[in-house]
Amino acid sequence: DREGIPHMANDSHIVPVLIKDPVKT
């Protein structure tokens, strides 16, 4: 959050960082 890197909010231990492009990922 401090660095502005997007991740999906949830209540679990899994932290998905979204990129939305297969090549860039």
PDBML (XML) file of the C-alpha atoms, coordinates in Angstrom:
<?xml version="1.0" encoding="UTF-8" ?>
<PDBx:datablock datablockName="MODEL"
   xmlns:PDBx="http://pdbml.pdb.org/schema/pdbx-v50.xsd"
   xmlns:xsi="http://www.w3.org/2001/XMLSchema-instance"
   xsi:schemaLocation="http://pdbml.pdb.org/schema/pdbx-v50.xsd pdbx-v50.xsd">
   <PDBx:atom_siteCategory>
      <PDBx:atom_site id="1">
         <PDBx:B_iso_or_equiv>0.00</PDBx:B_iso_or_equiv>
         <PDBx:Cartn_x>0.000</PDBx:Cartn_x>
         <PDBx:Cartn_y>0.000</PDBx:Cartn_y>
         <PDBx:Cartn_z>0.000</PDBx:Cartn_z>
         <PDBx:auth_asym_id>A</PDBx:auth_asym_id>
         <PDBx:auth_atom_id>CA</PDBx:auth_atom_id>
         <PDBx:auth_comp_id>ASP</PDBx:auth_comp_id>
         <PDBx:auth_seq_id>1</PDBx:auth_seq_id>
         <PDBx:group_PDB>ATOM</PDBx:group_PDB>
         <PDBx:label_alt_id xsi:nil="true" />
         <PDBx:label_asym_id>A</PDBx:label_asym_id>
         <PDBx:label_atom_id>CA</PDBx:label_atom_id>
         <PDBx:label_comp_id>ASP</PDBx:label_comp_id>
         <PDBx:label_entity_id>1</PDBx:label_entity_id>
         <PDBx:label_seq_id>1</PDBx:label_seq_id>
         <PDBx:occupancy>1.00</PDBx:occupancy>
         <PDBx:pdbx_PDB_model_num>1</PDBx:pdbx_PDB_model_num>
         <PDBx:type_symbol>C</PDBx:type_symbol>
      </PDBx:atom_site>
      <PDBx:atom_site id="2">
         <PDBx:B_iso_or_equiv>0.00</PDBx:B_iso_or_equiv>
         <PDBx:Cartn_x>2.792</PDBx:Cartn_x>
         <PDBx:Cartn_y>2.406</PDBx:Cartn_y>
         <PDBx:Cartn_z>0.913</PDBx:Cartn_z>
         <PDBx:auth_asym_id>A</PDBx:auth_asym_id>
         <PDBx:auth_atom_id>CA</PDBx:auth_atom_id>
         <PDBx:auth_comp_id>ARG</PDBx:auth_comp_id>
         <PDBx:auth_seq_id>2</PDBx:auth_seq_id>
         <PDBx:group_PDB>ATOM</PDBx:group_PDB>
         <PDBx:label_alt_id xsi:nil="true" />
         <PDBx:label_asym_id>A</PDBx:label_asym_id>
         <PDBx:label_atom_id>CA</PDBx:label_atom_id>
         <PDBx:label_comp_id>ARG</PDBx:label_comp_id>
         <PDBx:label_entity_id>1</PDBx:label_entity_id>
         <PDBx:label_seq_id>2</PDBx:label_seq_id>
         <PDBx:occupancy>1.00</PDBx:occupancy>
         <PDBx:pdbx_PDB_model_num>1</PDBx:pdbx_PDB_model_num>
         <PDBx:type_symbol>C</PDBx:type_symbol>
      </PDBx:atom_site>
      <PDBx:atom_site id="3">
         <PDBx:B_iso_or_equiv>0.00</PDBx:B_iso_or_equiv>
         <PDBx:Cartn_x>4.384</PDBx:Cartn_x>
         <PDBx:Cartn_y>1.938</PDBx:Cartn_y>
         <PDBx:Cartn_z>-2.512</PDBx:Cartn_z>
         <PDBx:auth_asym_id>A</PDBx:auth_asym_id>
         <PDBx:auth_atom_id>CA</PDBx:auth_atom_id>
         <PDBx:auth_comp_id>GLU</PDBx:auth_comp_id>
         <PDBx:auth_seq_id>3</PDBx:auth_seq_id>
         <PDBx:group_PDB>ATOM</PDBx:group_PDB>
         <PDBx:label_alt_id xsi:nil="true" />
         <PDBx:label_asym_id>A</PDBx:label_asym_id>
         <PDBx:label_atom_id>CA</PDBx:label_atom_id>
         <PDBx:label_comp_id>GLU</PDBx:label_comp_id>
         <PDBx:label_entity_id>1</PDBx:label_entity_id>
         <PDBx:label_seq_id>3</PDBx:label_seq_id>
         <PDBx:occupancy>1.00</PDBx:occupancy>
         <PDBx:pdbx_PDB_model_num>1</PDBx:pdbx_PDB_model_num>
         <PDBx:type_symbol>C</PDBx:type_symbol>
      </PDBx:atom_site>
      <PDBx:atom_site id="4">
         <PDBx:B_iso_or_equiv>0.00</PDBx:B_iso_or_equiv>
         <PDBx:Cartn_x>1.083</PDBx:Cartn_x>
         <PDBx:Cartn_y>2.040</PDBx:Cartn_y>
         <PDBx:Cartn_z>-4.418</PDBx:Cartn_z>
         <PDBx:auth_asym_id>A</PDBx:auth_asym_id>
         <PDBx:auth_atom_id>CA</PDBx:auth_atom_id>
         <PDBx:auth_comp_id>GLY</PDBx:auth_comp_id>
         <PDBx:auth_seq_id>4</PDBx:auth_seq_id>
         <PDBx:group_PDB>ATOM</PDBx:group_PDB>
         <PDBx:label_alt_id xsi:nil="true" />
         <PDBx:label_asym_id>A</PDBx:label_asym_id>
         <PDBx:label_atom_id>CA</PDBx:label_atom_id>
         <PDBx:label_comp_id>GLY</PDBx:label_comp_id>
         <PDBx:label_entity_id>1</PDBx:label_entity_id>
         <PDBx:label_seq_id>4</PDBx:label_seq_id>
         <PDBx:occupancy>1.00</PDBx:occupancy>
         <PDBx:pdbx_PDB_model_num>1</PDBx:pdbx_PDB_model_num>
         <PDBx:type_symbol>C</PDBx:type_symbol>
      </PDBx:atom_site>
      <PDBx:atom_site id="5">
         <PDBx:B_iso_or_equiv>0.00</PDBx:B_iso_or_equiv>
         <PDBx:Cartn_x>1.456</PDBx:Cartn_x>
         <PDBx:Cartn_y>-1.500</PDBx:Cartn_y>
         <PDBx:Cartn_z>-5.736</PDBx:Cartn_z>
         <PDBx:auth_asym_id>A</PDBx:auth_asym_id>
         <PDBx:auth_atom_id>CA</PDBx:auth_atom_id>
         <PDBx:auth_comp_id>ILE</PDBx:auth_comp_id>
         <PDBx:auth_seq_id>5</PDBx:auth_seq_id>
         <PDBx:group_PDB>ATOM</PDBx:group_PDB>
         <PDBx:label_alt_id xsi:nil="true" />
         <PDBx:label_asym_id>A</PDBx:label_asym_id>
         <PDBx:label_atom_id>CA</PDBx:label_atom_id>
         <PDBx:label_comp_id>ILE</PDBx:label_comp_id>
         <PDBx:label_entity_id>1</PDBx:label_entity_id>
         <PDBx:label_seq_id>5</PDBx:label_seq_id>
         <PDBx:occupancy>1.00</PDBx:occupancy>
         <PDBx:pdbx_PDB_model_num>1</PDBx:pdbx_PDB_model_num>
         <PDBx:type_symbol>C</PDBx:type_symbol>
      </PDBx:atom_site>
      <PDBx:atom_site id="6">
         <PDBx:B_iso_or_equiv>0.00</PDBx:B_iso_or_equiv>
         <PDBx:Cartn_x>-2.008</PDBx:Cartn_x>
         <PDBx:Cartn_y>-2.944</PDBx:Cartn_y>
         <PDBx:Cartn_z>-6.477</PDBx:Cartn_z>
         <PDBx:auth_asym_id>A</PDBx:auth_asym_id>
         <PDBx:auth_atom_id>CA</PDBx:auth_atom_id>
         <PDBx:auth_comp_id>PRO</PDBx:auth_comp_id>
         <PDBx:auth_seq_id>6</PDBx:auth_seq_id>
         <PDBx:group_PDB>ATOM</PDBx:group_PDB>
         <PDBx:label_alt_id xsi:nil="true" />
         <PDBx:label_asym_id>A</PDBx:label_asym_id>
         <PDBx:label_atom_id>CA</PDBx:label_atom_id>
         <PDBx:label_comp_id>PRO</PDBx:label_comp_id>
         <PDBx:label_entity_id>1</PDBx:label_entity_id>
         <PDBx:label_seq_id>6</PDBx:label_seq_id>
         <PDBx:occupancy>1.00</PDBx:occupancy>
         <PDBx:pdbx_PDB_model_num>1</PDBx:pdbx_PDB_model_num>
         <PDBx:type_symbol>C</PDBx:type_symbol>
      </PDBx:atom_site>
      <PDBx:atom_site id="7">
         <PDBx:B_iso_or_equiv>0.00</PDBx:B_iso_or_equiv>
         <PDBx:Cartn_x>-3.171</PDBx:Cartn_x>
         <PDBx:Cartn_y>-6.013</PDBx:Cartn_y>
         <PDBx:Cartn_z>-4.634</PDBx:Cartn_z>
         <PDBx:auth_asym_id>A</PDBx:auth_asym_id>
         <PDBx:auth_atom_id>CA</PDBx:auth_atom_id>
         <PDBx:auth_comp_id>HIS</PDBx:auth_comp_id>
         <PDBx:auth_seq_id>7</PDBx:auth_seq_id>
         <PDBx:group_PDB>ATOM</PDBx:group_PDB>
         <PDBx:label_alt_id xsi:nil="true" />
         <PDBx:label_asym_id>A</PDBx:label_asym_id>
         <PDBx:label_atom_id>CA</PDBx:label_atom_id>
         <PDBx:label_comp_id>HIS</PDBx:label_comp_id>
         <PDBx:label_entity_id>1</PDBx:label_entity_id>
         <PDBx:label_seq_id>7</PDBx:label_seq_id>
         <PDBx:occupancy>1.00</PDBx:occupancy>
         <PDBx:pdbx_PDB_model_num>1</PDBx:pdbx_PDB_model_num>
         <PDBx:type_symbol>C</PDBx:type_symbol>
      </PDBx:atom_site>
      <PDBx:atom_site id="8">
         <PDBx:B_iso_or_equiv>0.00</PDBx:B_iso_or_equiv>
         <PDBx:Cartn_x>-6.612</PDBx:Cartn_x>
         <PDBx:Cartn_y>-7.469</PDBx:Cartn_y>
         <PDBx:Cartn_z>-4.164</PDBx:Cartn_z>
         <PDBx:auth_asym_id>A</PDBx:auth_asym_id>
         <PDBx:auth_atom_id>CA</PDBx:auth_atom_id>
         <PDBx:auth_comp_id>MET</PDBx:auth_comp_id>
         <PDBx:auth_seq_id>8</PDBx:auth_seq_id>
         <PDBx:group_PDB>ATOM</PDBx:group_PDB>
         <PDBx:label_alt_id xsi:nil="true" />
         <PDBx:label_asym_id>A</PDBx:label_asym_id>
         <PDBx:label_atom_id>CA</PDBx:label_atom_id>
         <PDBx:label_comp_id>MET</PDBx:label_comp_id>
         <PDBx:label_entity_id>1</PDBx:label_entity_id>
         <PDBx:label_seq_id>8</PDBx:label_seq_id>
         <PDBx:occupancy>1.00</PDBx:occupancy>
         <PDBx:pdbx_PDB_model_num>1</PDBx:pdbx_PDB_model_num>
         <PDBx:type_symbol>C</PDBx:type_symbol>
      </PDBx:atom_site>
      <PDBx:atom_site id="9">
         <PDBx:B_iso_or_equiv>0.00</PDBx:B_iso_or_equiv>
         <PDBx:Cartn_x>-8.180</PDBx:Cartn_x>
         <PDBx:Cartn_y>-6.871</PDBx:Cartn_y>
         <PDBx:Cartn_z>-0.758</PDBx:Cartn_z>
         <PDBx:auth_asym_id>A</PDBx:auth_asym_id>
         <PDBx:auth_atom_id>CA</PDBx:auth_atom_id>
         <PDBx:auth_comp_id>ALA</PDBx:auth_comp_id>
         <PDBx:auth_seq_id>9</PDBx:auth_seq_id>
         <PDBx:group_PDB>ATOM</PDBx:group_PDB>
         <PDBx:label_alt_id xsi:nil="true" />
         <PDBx:label_asym_id>A</PDBx:label_asym_id>
         <PDBx:label_atom_id>CA</PDBx:label_atom_id>
         <PDBx:label_comp_id>ALA</PDBx:label_comp_id>
         <PDBx:label_entity_id>1</PDBx:label_entity_id>
         <PDBx:label_seq_id>9</PDBx:label_seq_id>
         <PDBx:occupancy>1.00</PDBx:occupancy>
         <PDBx:pdbx_PDB_model_num>1</PDBx:pdbx_PDB_model_num>
         <PDBx:type_symbol>C</PDBx:type_symbol>
      </PDBx:atom_site>
      <PDBx:atom_site id="10">
         <PDBx:B_iso_or_equiv>0.00</PDBx:B_iso_or_equiv>
         <PDBx:Cartn_x>-9.330</PDBx:Cartn_x>
         <PDBx:Cartn_y>-10.001</PDBx:Cartn_y>
         <PDBx:Cartn_z>1.049</PDBx:Cartn_z>
         <PDBx:auth_asym_id>A</PDBx:auth_asym_id>
         <PDBx:auth_atom_id>CA</PDBx:auth_atom_id>
         <PDBx:auth_comp_id>ASN</PDBx:auth_comp_id>
         <PDBx:auth_seq_id>10</PDBx:auth_seq_id>
         <PDBx:group_PDB>ATOM</PDBx:group_PDB>
         <PDBx:label_alt_id xsi:nil="true" />
         <PDBx:label_asym_id>A</PDBx:label_asym_id>
         <PDBx:label_atom_id>CA</PDBx:label_atom_id>
         <PDBx:label_comp_id>ASN</PDBx:label_comp_id>
         <PDBx:label_entity_id>1</PDBx:label_entity_id>
         <PDBx:label_seq_id>10</PDBx:label_seq_id>
         <PDBx:occupancy>1.00</PDBx:occupancy>
         <PDBx:pdbx_PDB_model_num>1</PDBx:pdbx_PDB_model_num>
         <PDBx:type_symbol>C</PDBx:type_symbol>
      </PDBx:atom_site>
      <PDBx:atom_site id="11">
         <PDBx:B_iso_or_equiv>0.00</PDBx:B_iso_or_equiv>
         <PDBx:Cartn_x>-9.459</PDBx:Cartn_x>
         <PDBx:Cartn_y>-11.501</PDBx:Cartn_y>
         <PDBx:Cartn_z>4.533</PDBx:Cartn_z>
         <PDBx:auth_asym_id>A</PDBx:auth_asym_id>
         <PDBx:auth_atom_id>CA</PDBx:auth_atom_id>
         <PDBx:auth_comp_id>ASP</PDBx:auth_comp_id>
         <PDBx:auth_seq_id>11</PDBx:auth_seq_id>
         <PDBx:group_PDB>ATOM</PDBx:group_PDB>
         <PDBx:label_alt_id xsi:nil="true" />
         <PDBx:label_asym_id>A</PDBx:label_asym_id>
         <PDBx:label_atom_id>CA</PDBx:label_atom_id>
         <PDBx:label_comp_id>ASP</PDBx:label_comp_id>
         <PDBx:label_entity_id>1</PDBx:label_entity_id>
         <PDBx:label_seq_id>11</PDBx:label_seq_id>
         <PDBx:occupancy>1.00</PDBx:occupancy>
         <PDBx:pdbx_PDB_model_num>1</PDBx:pdbx_PDB_model_num>
         <PDBx:type_symbol>C</PDBx:type_symbol>
      </PDBx:atom_site>
      <PDBx:atom_site id="12">
         <PDBx:B_iso_or_equiv>0.00</PDBx:B_iso_or_equiv>
         <PDBx:Cartn_x>-7.082</PDBx:Cartn_x>
         <PDBx:Cartn_y>-14.391</PDBx:Cartn_y>
         <PDBx:Cartn_z>3.871</PDBx:Cartn_z>
         <PDBx:auth_asym_id>A</PDBx:auth_asym_id>
         <PDBx:auth_atom_id>CA</PDBx:auth_atom_id>
         <PDBx:auth_comp_id>SER</PDBx:auth_comp_id>
         <PDBx:auth_seq_id>12</PDBx:auth_seq_id>
         <PDBx:group_PDB>ATOM</PDBx:group_PDB>
         <PDBx:label_alt_id xsi:nil="true" />
         <PDBx:label_asym_id>A</PDBx:label_asym_id>
         <PDBx:label_atom_id>CA</PDBx:label_atom_id>
         <PDBx:label_comp_id>SER</PDBx:label_comp_id>
         <PDBx:label_entity_id>1</PDBx:label_entity_id>
         <PDBx:label_seq_id>12</PDBx:label_seq_id>
         <PDBx:occupancy>1.00</PDBx:occupancy>
         <PDBx:pdbx_PDB_model_num>1</PDBx:pdbx_PDB_model_num>
         <PDBx:type_symbol>C</PDBx:type_symbol>
      </PDBx:atom_site>
      <PDBx:atom_site id="13">
         <PDBx:B_iso_or_equiv>0.00</PDBx:B_iso_or_equiv>
         <PDBx:Cartn_x>-3.371</PDBx:Cartn_x>
         <PDBx:Cartn_y>-15.144</PDBx:Cartn_y>
         <PDBx:Cartn_z>3.682</PDBx:Cartn_z>
         <PDBx:auth_asym_id>A</PDBx:auth_asym_id>
         <PDBx:auth_atom_id>CA</PDBx:auth_atom_id>
         <PDBx:auth_comp_id>HIS</PDBx:auth_comp_id>
         <PDBx:auth_seq_id>13</PDBx:auth_seq_id>
         <PDBx:group_PDB>ATOM</PDBx:group_PDB>
         <PDBx:label_alt_id xsi:nil="true" />
         <PDBx:label_asym_id>A</PDBx:label_asym_id>
         <PDBx:label_atom_id>CA</PDBx:label_atom_id>
         <PDBx:label_comp_id>HIS</PDBx:label_comp_id>
         <PDBx:label_entity_id>1</PDBx:label_entity_id>
         <PDBx:label_seq_id>13</PDBx:label_seq_id>
         <PDBx:occupancy>1.00</PDBx:occupancy>
         <PDBx:pdbx_PDB_model_num>1</PDBx:pdbx_PDB_model_num>
         <PDBx:type_symbol>C</PDBx:type_symbol>
      </PDBx:atom_site>
      <PDBx:atom_site id="14">
         <PDBx:B_iso_or_equiv>0.00</PDBx:B_iso_or_equiv>
         <PDBx:Cartn_x>-3.260</PDBx:Cartn_x>
         <PDBx:Cartn_y>-14.919</PDBx:Cartn_y>
         <PDBx:Cartn_z>-0.129</PDBx:Cartn_z>
         <PDBx:auth_asym_id>A</PDBx:auth_asym_id>
         <PDBx:auth_atom_id>CA</PDBx:auth_atom_id>
         <PDBx:auth_comp_id>ILE</PDBx:auth_comp_id>
         <PDBx:auth_seq_id>14</PDBx:auth_seq_id>
         <PDBx:group_PDB>ATOM</PDBx:group_PDB>
         <PDBx:label_alt_id xsi:nil="true" />
         <PDBx:label_asym_id>A</PDBx:label_asym_id>
         <PDBx:label_atom_id>CA</PDBx:label_atom_id>
         <PDBx:label_comp_id>ILE</PDBx:label_comp_id>
         <PDBx:label_entity_id>1</PDBx:label_entity_id>
         <PDBx:label_seq_id>14</PDBx:label_seq_id>
         <PDBx:occupancy>1.00</PDBx:occupancy>
         <PDBx:pdbx_PDB_model_num>1</PDBx:pdbx_PDB_model_num>
         <PDBx:type_symbol>C</PDBx:type_symbol>
      </PDBx:atom_site>
      <PDBx:atom_site id="15">
         <PDBx:B_iso_or_equiv>0.00</PDBx:B_iso_or_equiv>
         <PDBx:Cartn_x>-1.958</PDBx:Cartn_x>
         <PDBx:Cartn_y>-11.646</PDBx:Cartn_y>
         <PDBx:Cartn_z>-1.607</PDBx:Cartn_z>
         <PDBx:auth_asym_id>A</PDBx:auth_asym_id>
         <PDBx:auth_atom_id>CA</PDBx:auth_atom_id>
         <PDBx:auth_comp_id>VAL</PDBx:auth_comp_id>
         <PDBx:auth_seq_id>15</PDBx:auth_seq_id>
         <PDBx:group_PDB>ATOM</PDBx:group_PDB>
         <PDBx:label_alt_id xsi:nil="true" />
         <PDBx:label_asym_id>A</PDBx:label_asym_id>
         <PDBx:label_atom_id>CA</PDBx:label_atom_id>
         <PDBx:label_comp_id>VAL</PDBx:label_comp_id>
         <PDBx:label_entity_id>1</PDBx:label_entity_id>
         <PDBx:label_seq_id>15</PDBx:label_seq_id>
         <PDBx:occupancy>1.00</PDBx:occupancy>
         <PDBx:pdbx_PDB_model_num>1</PDBx:pdbx_PDB_model_num>
         <PDBx:type_symbol>C</PDBx:type_symbol>
      </PDBx:atom_site>
      <PDBx:atom_site id="16">
         <PDBx:B_iso_or_equiv>0.00</PDBx:B_iso_or_equiv>
         <PDBx:Cartn_x>-2.752</PDBx:Cartn_x>
         <PDBx:Cartn_y>-11.356</PDBx:Cartn_y>
         <PDBx:Cartn_z>-5.348</PDBx:Cartn_z>
         <PDBx:auth_asym_id>A</PDBx:auth_asym_id>
         <PDBx:auth_atom_id>CA</PDBx:auth_atom_id>
         <PDBx:auth_comp_id>PRO</PDBx:auth_comp_id>
         <PDBx:auth_seq_id>16</PDBx:auth_seq_id>
         <PDBx:group_PDB>ATOM</PDBx:group_PDB>
         <PDBx:label_alt_id xsi:nil="true" />
         <PDBx:label_asym_id>A</PDBx:label_asym_id>
         <PDBx:label_atom_id>CA</PDBx:label_atom_id>
         <PDBx:label_comp_id>PRO</PDBx:label_comp_id>
         <PDBx:label_entity_id>1</PDBx:label_entity_id>
         <PDBx:label_seq_id>16</PDBx:label_seq_id>
         <PDBx:occupancy>1.00</PDBx:occupancy>
         <PDBx:pdbx_PDB_model_num>1</PDBx:pdbx_PDB_model_num>
         <PDBx:type_symbol>C</PDBx:type_symbol>
      </PDBx:atom_site>
      <PDBx:atom_site id="17">
         <PDBx:B_iso_or_equiv>0.00</PDBx:B_iso_or_equiv>
         <PDBx:Cartn_x>-0.794</PDBx:Cartn_x>
         <PDBx:Cartn_y>-8.565</PDBx:Cartn_y>
         <PDBx:Cartn_z>-7.070</PDBx:Cartn_z>
         <PDBx:auth_asym_id>A</PDBx:auth_asym_id>
         <PDBx:auth_atom_id>CA</PDBx:auth_atom_id>
         <PDBx:auth_comp_id>VAL</PDBx:auth_comp_id>
         <PDBx:auth_seq_id>17</PDBx:auth_seq_id>
         <PDBx:group_PDB>ATOM</PDBx:group_PDB>
         <PDBx:label_alt_id xsi:nil="true" />
         <PDBx:label_asym_id>A</PDBx:label_asym_id>
         <PDBx:label_atom_id>CA</PDBx:label_atom_id>
         <PDBx:label_comp_id>VAL</PDBx:label_comp_id>
         <PDBx:label_entity_id>1</PDBx:label_entity_id>
         <PDBx:label_seq_id>17</PDBx:label_seq_id>
         <PDBx:occupancy>1.00</PDBx:occupancy>
         <PDBx:pdbx_PDB_model_num>1</PDBx:pdbx_PDB_model_num>
         <PDBx:type_symbol>C</PDBx:type_symbol>
      </PDBx:atom_site>
      <PDBx:atom_site id="18">
         <PDBx:B_iso_or_equiv>0.00</PDBx:B_iso_or_equiv>
         <PDBx:Cartn_x>-2.674</PDBx:Cartn_x>
         <PDBx:Cartn_y>-7.710</PDBx:Cartn_y>
         <PDBx:Cartn_z>-10.248</PDBx:Cartn_z>
         <PDBx:auth_asym_id>A</PDBx:auth_asym_id>
         <PDBx:auth_atom_id>CA</PDBx:auth_atom_id>
         <PDBx:auth_comp_id>LEU</PDBx:auth_comp_id>
         <PDBx:auth_seq_id>18</PDBx:auth_seq_id>
         <PDBx:group_PDB>ATOM</PDBx:group_PDB>
         <PDBx:label_alt_id xsi:nil="true" />
         <PDBx:label_asym_id>A</PDBx:label_asym_id>
         <PDBx:label_atom_id>CA</PDBx:label_atom_id>
         <PDBx:label_comp_id>LEU</PDBx:label_comp_id>
         <PDBx:label_entity_id>1</PDBx:label_entity_id>
         <PDBx:label_seq_id>18</PDBx:label_seq_id>
         <PDBx:occupancy>1.00</PDBx:occupancy>
         <PDBx:pdbx_PDB_model_num>1</PDBx:pdbx_PDB_model_num>
         <PDBx:type_symbol>C</PDBx:type_symbol>
      </PDBx:atom_site>
      <PDBx:atom_site id="19">
         <PDBx:B_iso_or_equiv>0.00</PDBx:B_iso_or_equiv>
         <PDBx:Cartn_x>-0.838</PDBx:Cartn_x>
         <PDBx:Cartn_y>-7.053</PDBx:Cartn_y>
         <PDBx:Cartn_z>-13.518</PDBx:Cartn_z>
         <PDBx:auth_asym_id>A</PDBx:auth_asym_id>
         <PDBx:auth_atom_id>CA</PDBx:auth_atom_id>
         <PDBx:auth_comp_id>ILE</PDBx:auth_comp_id>
         <PDBx:auth_seq_id>19</PDBx:auth_seq_id>
         <PDBx:group_PDB>ATOM</PDBx:group_PDB>
         <PDBx:label_alt_id xsi:nil="true" />
         <PDBx:label_asym_id>A</PDBx:label_asym_id>
         <PDBx:label_atom_id>CA</PDBx:label_atom_id>
         <PDBx:label_comp_id>ILE</PDBx:label_comp_id>
         <PDBx:label_entity_id>1</PDBx:label_entity_id>
         <PDBx:label_seq_id>19</PDBx:label_seq_id>
         <PDBx:occupancy>1.00</PDBx:occupancy>
         <PDBx:pdbx_PDB_model_num>1</PDBx:pdbx_PDB_model_num>
         <PDBx:type_symbol>C</PDBx:type_symbol>
      </PDBx:atom_site>
      <PDBx:atom_site id="20">
         <PDBx:B_iso_or_equiv>0.00</PDBx:B_iso_or_equiv>
         <PDBx:Cartn_x>-3.608</PDBx:Cartn_x>
         <PDBx:Cartn_y>-7.911</PDBx:Cartn_y>
         <PDBx:Cartn_z>-16.023</PDBx:Cartn_z>
         <PDBx:auth_asym_id>A</PDBx:auth_asym_id>
         <PDBx:auth_atom_id>CA</PDBx:auth_atom_id>
         <PDBx:auth_comp_id>LYS</PDBx:auth_comp_id>
         <PDBx:auth_seq_id>20</PDBx:auth_seq_id>
         <PDBx:group_PDB>ATOM</PDBx:group_PDB>
         <PDBx:label_alt_id xsi:nil="true" />
         <PDBx:label_asym_id>A</PDBx:label_asym_id>
         <PDBx:label_atom_id>CA</PDBx:label_atom_id>
         <PDBx:label_comp_id>LYS</PDBx:label_comp_id>
         <PDBx:label_entity_id>1</PDBx:label_entity_id>
         <PDBx:label_seq_id>20</PDBx:label_seq_id>
         <PDBx:occupancy>1.00</PDBx:occupancy>
         <PDBx:pdbx_PDB_model_num>1</PDBx:pdbx_PDB_model_num>
         <PDBx:type_symbol>C</PDBx:type_symbol>
      </PDBx:atom_site>
      <PDBx:atom_site id="21">
         <PDBx:B_iso_or_equiv>0.00</PDBx:B_iso_or_equiv>
         <PDBx:Cartn_x>-1.305</PDBx:Cartn_x>
         <PDBx:Cartn_y>-8.774</PDBx:Cartn_y>
         <PDBx:Cartn_z>-18.895</PDBx:Cartn_z>
         <PDBx:auth_asym_id>A</PDBx:auth_asym_id>
         <PDBx:auth_atom_id>CA</PDBx:auth_atom_id>
         <PDBx:auth_comp_id>ASP</PDBx:auth_comp_id>
         <PDBx:auth_seq_id>21</PDBx:auth_seq_id>
         <PDBx:group_PDB>ATOM</PDBx:group_PDB>
         <PDBx:label_alt_id xsi:nil="true" />
         <PDBx:label_asym_id>A</PDBx:label_asym_id>
         <PDBx:label_atom_id>CA</PDBx:label_atom_id>
         <PDBx:label_comp_id>ASP</PDBx:label_comp_id>
         <PDBx:label_entity_id>1</PDBx:label_entity_id>
         <PDBx:label_seq_id>21</PDBx:label_seq_id>
         <PDBx:occupancy>1.00</PDBx:occupancy>
         <PDBx:pdbx_PDB_model_num>1</PDBx:pdbx_PDB_model_num>
         <PDBx:type_symbol>C</PDBx:type_symbol>
      </PDBx:atom_site>
      <PDBx:atom_site id="22">
         <PDBx:B_iso_or_equiv>0.00</PDBx:B_iso_or_equiv>
         <PDBx:Cartn_x>0.186</PDBx:Cartn_x>
         <PDBx:Cartn_y>-12.248</PDBx:Cartn_y>
         <PDBx:Cartn_z>-19.432</PDBx:Cartn_z>
         <PDBx:auth_asym_id>A</PDBx:auth_asym_id>
         <PDBx:auth_atom_id>CA</PDBx:auth_atom_id>
         <PDBx:auth_comp_id>PRO</PDBx:auth_comp_id>
         <PDBx:auth_seq_id>22</PDBx:auth_seq_id>
         <PDBx:group_PDB>ATOM</PDBx:group_PDB>
         <PDBx:label_alt_id xsi:nil="true" />
         <PDBx:label_asym_id>A</PDBx:label_asym_id>
         <PDBx:label_atom_id>CA</PDBx:label_atom_id>
         <PDBx:label_comp_id>PRO</PDBx:label_comp_id>
         <PDBx:label_entity_id>1</PDBx:label_entity_id>
         <PDBx:label_seq_id>22</PDBx:label_seq_id>
         <PDBx:occupancy>1.00</PDBx:occupancy>
         <PDBx:pdbx_PDB_model_num>1</PDBx:pdbx_PDB_model_num>
         <PDBx:type_symbol>C</PDBx:type_symbol>
      </PDBx:atom_site>
      <PDBx:atom_site id="23">
         <PDBx:B_iso_or_equiv>0.00</PDBx:B_iso_or_equiv>
         <PDBx:Cartn_x>3.385</PDBx:Cartn_x>
         <PDBx:Cartn_y>-11.068</PDBx:Cartn_y>
         <PDBx:Cartn_z>-21.121</PDBx:Cartn_z>
         <PDBx:auth_asym_id>A</PDBx:auth_asym_id>
         <PDBx:auth_atom_id>CA</PDBx:auth_atom_id>
         <PDBx:auth_comp_id>VAL</PDBx:auth_comp_id>
         <PDBx:auth_seq_id>23</PDBx:auth_seq_id>
         <PDBx:group_PDB>ATOM</PDBx:group_PDB>
         <PDBx:label_alt_id xsi:nil="true" />
         <PDBx:label_asym_id>A</PDBx:label_asym_id>
         <PDBx:label_atom_id>CA</PDBx:label_atom_id>
         <PDBx:label_comp_id>VAL</PDBx:label_comp_id>
         <PDBx:label_entity_id>1</PDBx:label_entity_id>
         <PDBx:label_seq_id>23</PDBx:label_seq_id>
         <PDBx:occupancy>1.00</PDBx:occupancy>
         <PDBx:pdbx_PDB_model_num>1</PDBx:pdbx_PDB_model_num>
         <PDBx:type_symbol>C</PDBx:type_symbol>
      </PDBx:atom_site>
      <PDBx:atom_site id="24">
         <PDBx:B_iso_or_equiv>0.00</PDBx:B_iso_or_equiv>
         <PDBx:Cartn_x>4.152</PDBx:Cartn_x>
         <PDBx:Cartn_y>-8.432</PDBx:Cartn_y>
         <PDBx:Cartn_z>-18.482</PDBx:Cartn_z>
         <PDBx:auth_asym_id>A</PDBx:auth_asym_id>
         <PDBx:auth_atom_id>CA</PDBx:auth_atom_id>
         <PDBx:auth_comp_id>LYS</PDBx:auth_comp_id>
         <PDBx:auth_seq_id>24</PDBx:auth_seq_id>
         <PDBx:group_PDB>ATOM</PDBx:group_PDB>
         <PDBx:label_alt_id xsi:nil="true" />
         <PDBx:label_asym_id>A</PDBx:label_asym_id>
         <PDBx:label_atom_id>CA</PDBx:label_atom_id>
         <PDBx:label_comp_id>LYS</PDBx:label_comp_id>
         <PDBx:label_entity_id>1</PDBx:label_entity_id>
         <PDBx:label_seq_id>24</PDBx:label_seq_id>
         <PDBx:occupancy>1.00</PDBx:occupancy>
         <PDBx:pdbx_PDB_model_num>1</PDBx:pdbx_PDB_model_num>
         <PDBx:type_symbol>C</PDBx:type_symbol>
      </PDBx:atom_site>
      <PDBx:atom_site id="25">
         <PDBx:B_iso_or_equiv>0.00</PDBx:B_iso_or_equiv>
         <PDBx:Cartn_x>3.328</PDBx:Cartn_x>
         <PDBx:Cartn_y>-10.867</PDBx:Cartn_y>
         <PDBx:Cartn_z>-15.685</PDBx:Cartn_z>
         <PDBx:auth_asym_id>A</PDBx:auth_asym_id>
         <PDBx:auth_atom_id>CA</PDBx:auth_atom_id>
         <PDBx:auth_comp_id>THR</PDBx:auth_comp_id>
         <PDBx:auth_seq_id>25</PDBx:auth_seq_id>
         <PDBx:group_PDB>ATOM</PDBx:group_PDB>
         <PDBx:label_alt_id xsi:nil="true" />
         <PDBx:label_asym_id>A</PDBx:label_asym_id>
         <PDBx:label_atom_id>CA</PDBx:label_atom_id>
         <PDBx:label_comp_id>THR</PDBx:label_comp_id>
         <PDBx:label_entity_id>1</PDBx:label_entity_id>
         <PDBx:label_seq_id>25</PDBx:label_seq_id>
         <PDBx:occupancy>1.00</PDBx:occupancy>
         <PDBx:pdbx_PDB_model_num>1</PDBx:pdbx_PDB_model_num>
         <PDBx:type_symbol>C</PDBx:type_symbol>
      </PDBx:atom_site>
   </PDBx:atom_siteCategory>
</PDBx:datablock>
